[in-house]
C-alpha atoms as a PDB file:
ATOM      1  CA  UNK A   1      81.363  14.721   4.540  1.00  0.00           C
ATOM      2  CA  UNK A   2      79.316  14.156   7.643  1.00  0.00           C
ATOM      3  CA  UNK A   3      77.366  17.423   6.902  1.00  0.00           C
ATOM      4  CA  UNK A   4      76.455  16.190   3.519  1.00  0.00           C
ATOM      5  CA  UNK A   5      75.269  12.872   4.901  1.00  0.00           C
ATOM      6  CA  UNK A   6      73.080  14.634   7.488  1.00  0.00           C
ATOM      7  CA  UNK A   7      71.725  16.951   4.689  1.00  0.00           C
ATOM      8  CA  UNK A   8      70.978  13.984   2.430  1.00  0.00           C
ATOM      9  CA  UNK A   9      69.301  12.125   5.177  1.00  0.00           C
ATOM     10  CA  UNK A  10      66.869  15.173   6.051  1.00  0.00           C
ATOM     11  CA  UNK A  11      66.216  15.447   2.278  1.00  0.00           C
ATOM     12  CA  UNK A  12      65.204  11.797   2.087  1.00  0.00           C
ATOM     13  CA  UNK A  13      63.094  11.992   5.065  1.00  0.00           C
ATOM     14  CA  UNK A  14      61.306  15.083   3.699  1.00  0.00           C
ATOM     15  CA  UNK A  15      60.803  13.714   0.210  1.00  0.00           C
ATOM     16  CA  UNK A  16      59.428  10.283   1.668  1.00  0.00           C
ATOM     17  CA  UNK A  17      57.031  11.944   4.284  1.00  0.00           C
ATOM     18  CA  UNK A  18      56.525  15.090   2.291  1.00  0.00           C
ATOM     19  CA  UNK A  19      52.687  14.725   2.354  1.00  0.00           C
ATOM     20  CA  UNK A  20      52.494  13.823   6.043  1.00  0.00           C
ATOM     21  CA  UNK A  21      54.747  16.835   6.964  1.00  0.00           C
ATOM     22  CA  UNK A  22      52.733  19.371   4.901  1.00  0.00           C
ATOM     23  CA  UNK A  23      49.549  17.980   6.243  1.00  0.00           C
ATOM     24  CA  UNK A  24      50.933  18.203   9.808  1.00  0.00           C
ATOM     25  CA  UNK A  25      51.979  21.835   9.319  1.00  0.00           C
ATOM     26  CA  UNK A  26      48.717  22.803   7.774  1.00  0.00           C
ATOM     27  CA  UNK A  27      46.723  21.352  10.831  1.00  0.00           C
ATOM     28  CA  UNK A  28      49.164  22.895  13.183  1.00  0.00           C
ATOM     29  CA  UNK A  29      48.494  26.229  11.275  1.00  0.00           C
ATOM     30  CA  UNK A  30      44.888  25.763  11.611  1.00  0.00           C
ATOM     31  CA  UNK A  31      45.036  24.989  15.323  1.00  0.00           C
ATOM     32  CA  UNK A  32      47.139  28.080  16.000  1.00  0.00           C
ATOM     33  CA  UNK A  33      44.560  30.286  14.099  1.00  0.00           C
ATOM     34  CA  UNK A  34      41.845  28.850  16.132  1.00  0.00           C
ATOM     35  CA  UNK A  35      43.456  29.516  19.376  1.00  0.00           C
ATOM     36  CA  UNK A  36      44.298  33.095  18.301  1.00  0.00           C
ATOM     37  CA  UNK A  37      40.660  33.664  17.322  1.00  0.00           C
ATOM     38  CA  UNK A  38      39.338  32.231  20.592  1.00  0.00           C
ATOM     39  CA  UNK A  39      41.772  34.367  22.746  1.00  0.00           C
ATOM     40  CA  UNK A  40      40.889  37.463  20.631  1.00  0.00           C
ATOM     41  CA  UNK A  41      37.222  36.844  21.222  1.00  0.00           C
ATOM     42  CA  UNK A  42      37.673  36.413  24.837  1.00  0.00           C
ATOM     43  CA  UNK A  43      39.916  39.414  25.178  1.00  0.00           C
ATOM     44  CA  UNK A  44      37.282  41.533  23.530  1.00  0.00           C
ATOM     45  CA  UNK A  45      34.359  40.406  25.587  1.00  0.00           C
ATOM     46  CA  UNK A  46      34.490  42.068  29.049  1.00  0.00           C
ATOM     47  CA  UNK A  47      31.221  40.170  30.266  1.00  0.00           C
ATOM     48  CA  UNK A  48      32.952  36.792  29.535  1.00  0.00           C
ATOM     49  CA  UNK A  49      36.206  37.815  31.084  1.00  0.00           C
ATOM     50  CA  UNK A  50      34.495  39.211  34.271  1.00  0.00           C
ATOM     51  CA  UNK A  51      32.305  36.093  34.702  1.00  0.00           C
ATOM     52  CA  UNK A  52      35.369  33.826  34.314  1.00  0.00           C
ATOM     53  CA  UNK A  53      37.113  35.869  36.988  1.00  0.00           C
ATOM     54  CA  UNK A  54      34.418  35.607  39.629  1.00  0.00           C
ATOM     55  CA  UNK A  55      32.547  32.127  38.919  1.00  0.00           C
ATOM     56  CA  UNK A  56      33.490  28.737  40.135  1.00  0.00           C
ATOM     57  CA  UNK A  57      30.623  27.424  37.827  1.00  0.00           C
ATOM     58  CA  UNK A  58      28.100  29.172  35.821  1.00  0.00           C
ATOM     59  CA  UNK A  59      25.032  28.725  33.718  1.00  0.00           C
ATOM     60  CA  UNK A  60      23.618  31.177  31.159  1.00  0.00           C
ATOM     61  CA  UNK A  61      20.235  31.615  29.633  1.00  0.00           C
ATOM     62  CA  UNK A  62      18.431  29.073  31.606  1.00  0.00           C
ATOM     63  CA  UNK A  63      14.790  28.565  32.773  1.00  0.00           C
ATOM     64  CA  UNK A  64      13.444  27.382  36.049  1.00  0.00           C
ATOM     65  CA  UNK A  65       9.954  27.117  37.353  1.00  0.00           C
ATOM     66  CA  UNK A  66       8.388  29.259  40.071  1.00  0.00           C
ATOM     67  CA  UNK A  67       5.754  28.441  42.548  1.00  0.00           C
ATOM     68  CA  UNK A  68       2.897  29.628  40.212  1.00  0.00           C
ATOM     69  CA  UNK A  69       3.774  27.001  37.540  1.00  0.00           C
ATOM     70  CA  UNK A  70       5.366  29.613  35.560  1.00  0.00           C
ATOM     71  CA  UNK A  71       8.796  29.859  33.990  1.00  0.00           C
ATOM     72  CA  UNK A  72      11.587  32.238  35.121  1.00  0.00           C
ATOM     73  CA  UNK A  73      14.349  33.078  32.742  1.00  0.00           C
ATOM     74  CA  UNK A  74      17.712  33.727  34.239  1.00  0.00           C
ATOM     75  CA  UNK A  75      20.337  35.382  32.104  1.00  0.00           C
ATOM     76  CA  UNK A  76      23.469  34.331  34.289  1.00  0.00           C
ATOM     77  CA  UNK A  77      23.610  32.099  37.369  1.00  0.00           C
ATOM     78  CA  UNK A  78      27.032  31.935  38.988  1.00  0.00           C
ATOM     79  CA  UNK A  79      28.349  29.870  41.834  1.00  0.00           C
ATOM     80  CA  UNK A  80      30.857  32.170  43.633  1.00  0.00           C
ATOM     81  CA  UNK A  81      32.787  32.290  46.824  1.00  0.00           C
ATOM     82  CA  UNK A  82      29.774  34.048  48.379  1.00  0.00           C
ATOM     83  CA  UNK A  83      26.996  31.715  47.146  1.00  0.00           C
ATOM     84  CA  UNK A  84      24.751  31.921  44.226  1.00  0.00           C
ATOM     85  CA  UNK A  85      24.626  35.064  42.113  1.00  0.00           C
ATOM     86  CA  UNK A  86      22.119  36.103  39.707  1.00  0.00           C
ATOM     87  CA  UNK A  87      23.271  38.646  37.025  1.00  0.00           C
ATOM     88  CA  UNK A  88      20.941  40.646  34.881  1.00  0.00           C
ATOM     89  CA  UNK A  89      23.185  42.496  32.395  1.00  0.00           C
ATOM     90  CA  UNK A  90      22.396  45.914  30.787  1.00  0.00           C
ATOM     91  CA  UNK A  91      24.631  47.292  28.063  1.00  0.00           C
ATOM     92  CA  UNK A  92      23.184  50.789  28.002  1.00  0.00           C
ATOM     93  CA  UNK A  93      25.586  53.650  28.813  1.00  0.00           C
ATOM     94  CA  UNK A  94      24.871  57.171  29.809  1.00  0.00           C
ATOM     95  CA  UNK A  95      23.347  58.778  32.690  1.00  0.00           C
ATOM     96  CA  UNK A  96      20.850  56.594  34.473  1.00  0.00           C
ATOM     97  CA  UNK A  97      17.888  58.012  36.445  1.00  0.00           C
ATOM     98  CA  UNK A  98      16.248  55.343  38.444  1.00  0.00           C
ATOM     99  CA  UNK A  99      15.122  54.504  41.950  1.00  0.00           C
ATOM    100  CA  UNK A 100      13.860  51.576  43.975  1.00  0.00           C
ATOM    101  CA  UNK A 101      10.242  52.854  43.803  1.00  0.00           C
ATOM    102  CA  UNK A 102      10.133  53.857  40.183  1.00  0.00           C
ATOM    103  CA  UNK A 103       8.511  51.708  37.493  1.00  0.00           C
ATOM    104  CA  UNK A 104      10.539  53.050  34.738  1.00  0.00           C
ATOM    105  CA  UNK A 105      14.291  54.207  34.584  1.00  0.00           C
ATOM    106  CA  UNK A 106      15.496  56.783  32.182  1.00  0.00           C
ATOM    107  CA  UNK A 107      18.849  56.518  30.345  1.00  0.00           C
ATOM    108  CA  UNK A 108      20.243  59.711  28.755  1.00  0.00           C
ATOM    109  CA  UNK A 109      22.755  58.825  26.054  1.00  0.00           C
ATOM    110  CA  UNK A 110      23.774  62.143  24.335  1.00  0.00           C
ATOM    111  CA  UNK A 111      20.610  63.489  22.676  1.00  0.00           C
ATOM    112  CA  UNK A 112      18.544  60.266  23.157  1.00  0.00           C
ATOM    113  CA  UNK A 113      16.373  59.289  26.124  1.00  0.00           C
ATOM    114  CA  UNK A 114      15.634  55.461  26.601  1.00  0.00           C
ATOM    115  CA  UNK A 115      13.204  54.178  29.111  1.00  0.00           C
ATOM    116  CA  UNK A 116      13.467  50.799  30.654  1.00  0.00           C
ATOM    117  CA  UNK A 117      11.410  48.819  33.088  1.00  0.00           C
ATOM    118  CA  UNK A 118      12.798  48.886  36.649  1.00  0.00           C
ATOM    119  CA  UNK A 119      14.828  45.656  36.456  1.00  0.00           C
ATOM    120  CA  UNK A 120      14.727  45.199  40.238  1.00  0.00           C
ATOM    121  CA  UNK A 121      11.299  43.571  40.250  1.00  0.00           C
ATOM    122  CA  UNK A 122      12.393  40.866  37.661  1.00  0.00           C
ATOM    123  CA  UNK A 123      15.635  40.343  39.630  1.00  0.00           C
ATOM    124  CA  UNK A 124      13.782  39.841  42.920  1.00  0.00           C
ATOM    125  CA  UNK A 125      11.350  37.287  41.253  1.00  0.00           C
ATOM    126  CA  UNK A 126      14.335  35.306  39.981  1.00  0.00           C
ATOM    127  CA  UNK A 127      15.960  35.300  43.457  1.00  0.00           C
ATOM    128  CA  UNK A 128      12.729  34.120  45.017  1.00  0.00           C
ATOM    129  CA  UNK A 129      12.107  31.299  42.523  1.00  0.00           C
ATOM    130  CA  UNK A 130      15.741  30.142  43.137  1.00  0.00           C
ATOM    131  CA  UNK A 131      15.221  30.158  46.916  1.00  0.00           C
ATOM    132  CA  UNK A 132      12.243  27.778  46.409  1.00  0.00           C
ATOM    133  CA  UNK A 133      14.694  25.379  44.638  1.00  0.00           C
ATOM    134  CA  UNK A 134      17.690  25.620  47.106  1.00  0.00           C
ATOM    135  CA  UNK A 135      17.816  26.688  50.796  1.00  0.00           C
ATOM    136  CA  UNK A 136      20.849  27.204  53.066  1.00  0.00           C
ATOM    137  CA  UNK A 137      22.904  28.734  50.549  1.00  0.00           C
ATOM    138  CA  UNK A 138      23.219  32.588  50.121  1.00  0.00           C
ATOM    139  CA  UNK A 139      21.424  33.770  46.936  1.00  0.00           C
ATOM    140  CA  UNK A 140      22.292  37.259  45.679  1.00  0.00           C
ATOM    141  CA  UNK A 141      21.340  39.313  42.686  1.00  0.00           C
ATOM    142  CA  UNK A 142      22.711  42.360  40.690  1.00  0.00           C
ATOM    143  CA  UNK A 143      21.806  44.511  37.829  1.00  0.00           C
ATOM    144  CA  UNK A 144      25.163  44.765  36.087  1.00  0.00           C
ATOM    145  CA  UNK A 145      25.779  47.798  33.817  1.00  0.00           C
ATOM    146  CA  UNK A 146      28.574  46.093  31.997  1.00  0.00           C
ATOM    147  CA  UNK A 147      29.700  49.129  30.034  1.00  0.00           C
ATOM    148  CA  UNK A 148      29.586  51.346  32.957  1.00  0.00           C
ATOM    149  CA  UNK A 149      26.836  53.917  33.601  1.00  0.00           C
ATOM    150  CA  UNK A 150      26.567  57.310  35.296  1.00  0.00           C
ATOM    151  CA  UNK A 151      24.237  57.315  38.362  1.00  0.00           C
ATOM    152  CA  UNK A 152      24.091  60.918  39.045  1.00  0.00           C
ATOM    153  CA  UNK A 153      21.916  60.559  42.228  1.00  0.00           C
ATOM    154  CA  UNK A 154      21.696  57.710  44.591  1.00  0.00           C
ATOM    155  CA  UNK A 155      22.200  54.332  42.997  1.00  0.00           C
ATOM    156  CA  UNK A 156      19.257  51.957  43.309  1.00  0.00           C
ATOM    157  CA  UNK A 157      19.696  48.743  45.334  1.00  0.00           C
ATOM    158  CA  UNK A 158      21.494  45.695  43.613  1.00  0.00           C
ATOM    159  CA  UNK A 159      22.802  47.833  40.929  1.00  0.00           C
ATOM    160  CA  UNK A 160      26.473  47.234  40.231  1.00  0.00           C
ATOM    161  CA  UNK A 161      29.433  48.178  38.091  1.00  0.00           C
ATOM    162  CA  UNK A 162      32.083  45.630  36.629  1.00  0.00           C
ATOM    163  CA  UNK A 163      35.034  46.575  38.882  1.00  0.00           C
ATOM    164  CA  UNK A 164      32.792  46.551  42.017  1.00  0.00           C
ATOM    165  CA  UNK A 165      31.495  42.959  40.987  1.00  0.00           C
ATOM    166  CA  UNK A 166      35.080  41.859  40.484  1.00  0.00           C
ATOM    167  CA  UNK A 167      36.060  43.209  43.970  1.00  0.00           C
ATOM    168  CA  UNK A 168      33.124  41.653  45.705  1.00  0.00           C
ATOM    169  CA  UNK A 169      33.273  38.232  44.257  1.00  0.00           C
ATOM    170  CA  UNK A 170      36.998  37.694  43.169  1.00  0.00           C
ATOM    171  CA  UNK A 171      38.104  34.012  43.515  1.00  0.00           C
ATOM    172  CA  UNK A 172      40.374  33.155  46.646  1.00  0.00           C
ATOM    173  CA  UNK A 173      43.506  31.155  46.672  1.00  0.00           C
ATOM    174  CA  UNK A 174      43.236  27.389  45.789  1.00  0.00           C
ATOM    175  CA  UNK A 175      42.540  25.994  49.201  1.00  0.00           C
ATOM    176  CA  UNK A 176      39.806  28.191  49.995  1.00  0.00           C
ATOM    177  CA  UNK A 177      38.307  27.714  46.577  1.00  0.00           C
ATOM    178  CA  UNK A 178      38.453  24.015  46.923  1.00  0.00           C
ATOM    179  CA  UNK A 179      36.656  24.268  50.438  1.00  0.00           C
ATOM    180  CA  UNK A 180      33.924  26.576  49.047  1.00  0.00           C
ATOM    181  CA  UNK A 181      33.467  24.420  46.053  1.00  0.00           C
ATOM    182  CA  UNK A 182      32.995  21.211  48.084  1.00  0.00           C
ATOM    183  CA  UNK A 183      30.518  23.042  50.375  1.00  0.00           C
ATOM    184  CA  UNK A 184      28.327  24.406  47.693  1.00  0.00           C
ATOM    185  CA  UNK A 185      28.568  21.505  45.305  1.00  0.00           C
ATOM    186  CA  UNK A 186      25.303  19.823  46.312  1.00  0.00           C
ATOM    187  CA  UNK A 187      23.287  22.955  45.880  1.00  0.00           C
ATOM    188  CA  UNK A 188      24.704  23.458  42.388  1.00  0.00           C
ATOM    189  CA  UNK A 189      23.990  19.907  41.506  1.00  0.00           C
ATOM    190  CA  UNK A 190      20.403  20.399  42.502  1.00  0.00           C
ATOM    191  CA  UNK A 191      20.226  23.338  40.275  1.00  0.00           C
ATOM    192  CA  UNK A 192      21.798  21.714  37.263  1.00  0.00           C
ATOM    193  CA  UNK A 193      19.373  18.946  37.311  1.00  0.00           C
ATOM    194  CA  UNK A 194      16.269  21.198  37.787  1.00  0.00           C
ATOM    195  CA  UNK A 195      16.876  23.847  35.089  1.00  0.00           C
ATOM    196  CA  UNK A 196      16.679  23.700  31.301  1.00  0.00           C
ATOM    197  CA  UNK A 197      18.375  25.776  28.617  1.00  0.00           C
ATOM    198  CA  UNK A 198      16.152  28.636  27.377  1.00  0.00           C
ATOM    199  CA  UNK A 199      15.468  27.594  23.811  1.00  0.00           C
END
């Protein structure tokens, strides 16, 4: 008898609020799908995952002005435990032949040979422009080959691979992270108020 009463009550509630319940379940379903898609995108983007692992704050695709009234584009600027880090990301894979004094680097991918401009010059210009904006904070820069690359001979300066970047800048425990964030925060605020998105 009690079981029938409970069942009748549940059926009455369902029939009374049927539209609300169906709408709620529909919205819940959309939310679950959205979270799944976002998580899937994050899982499949190694650069995003890597940047999240090492950065306290970050800006991407920004422009700042240099001392010659020109504009300097920065692909990724990260606030890390070691200071500011500029990342120039390369997606090429294969054997890379490049050197600090070479104007062009060659990348051999199977049967194809790709030439790229030595990325160090642009990286150094970005670092110099940033030093004009903020002082008394370490400013580092790297050319990151995100999908890995084979440097048969000596690797040029400031070229780094994903695992090395993670090892170098991995976030510390919470207390150390809070201390670093507080110390570097004024510099980061100066940068945020001085740059603009690259449209």
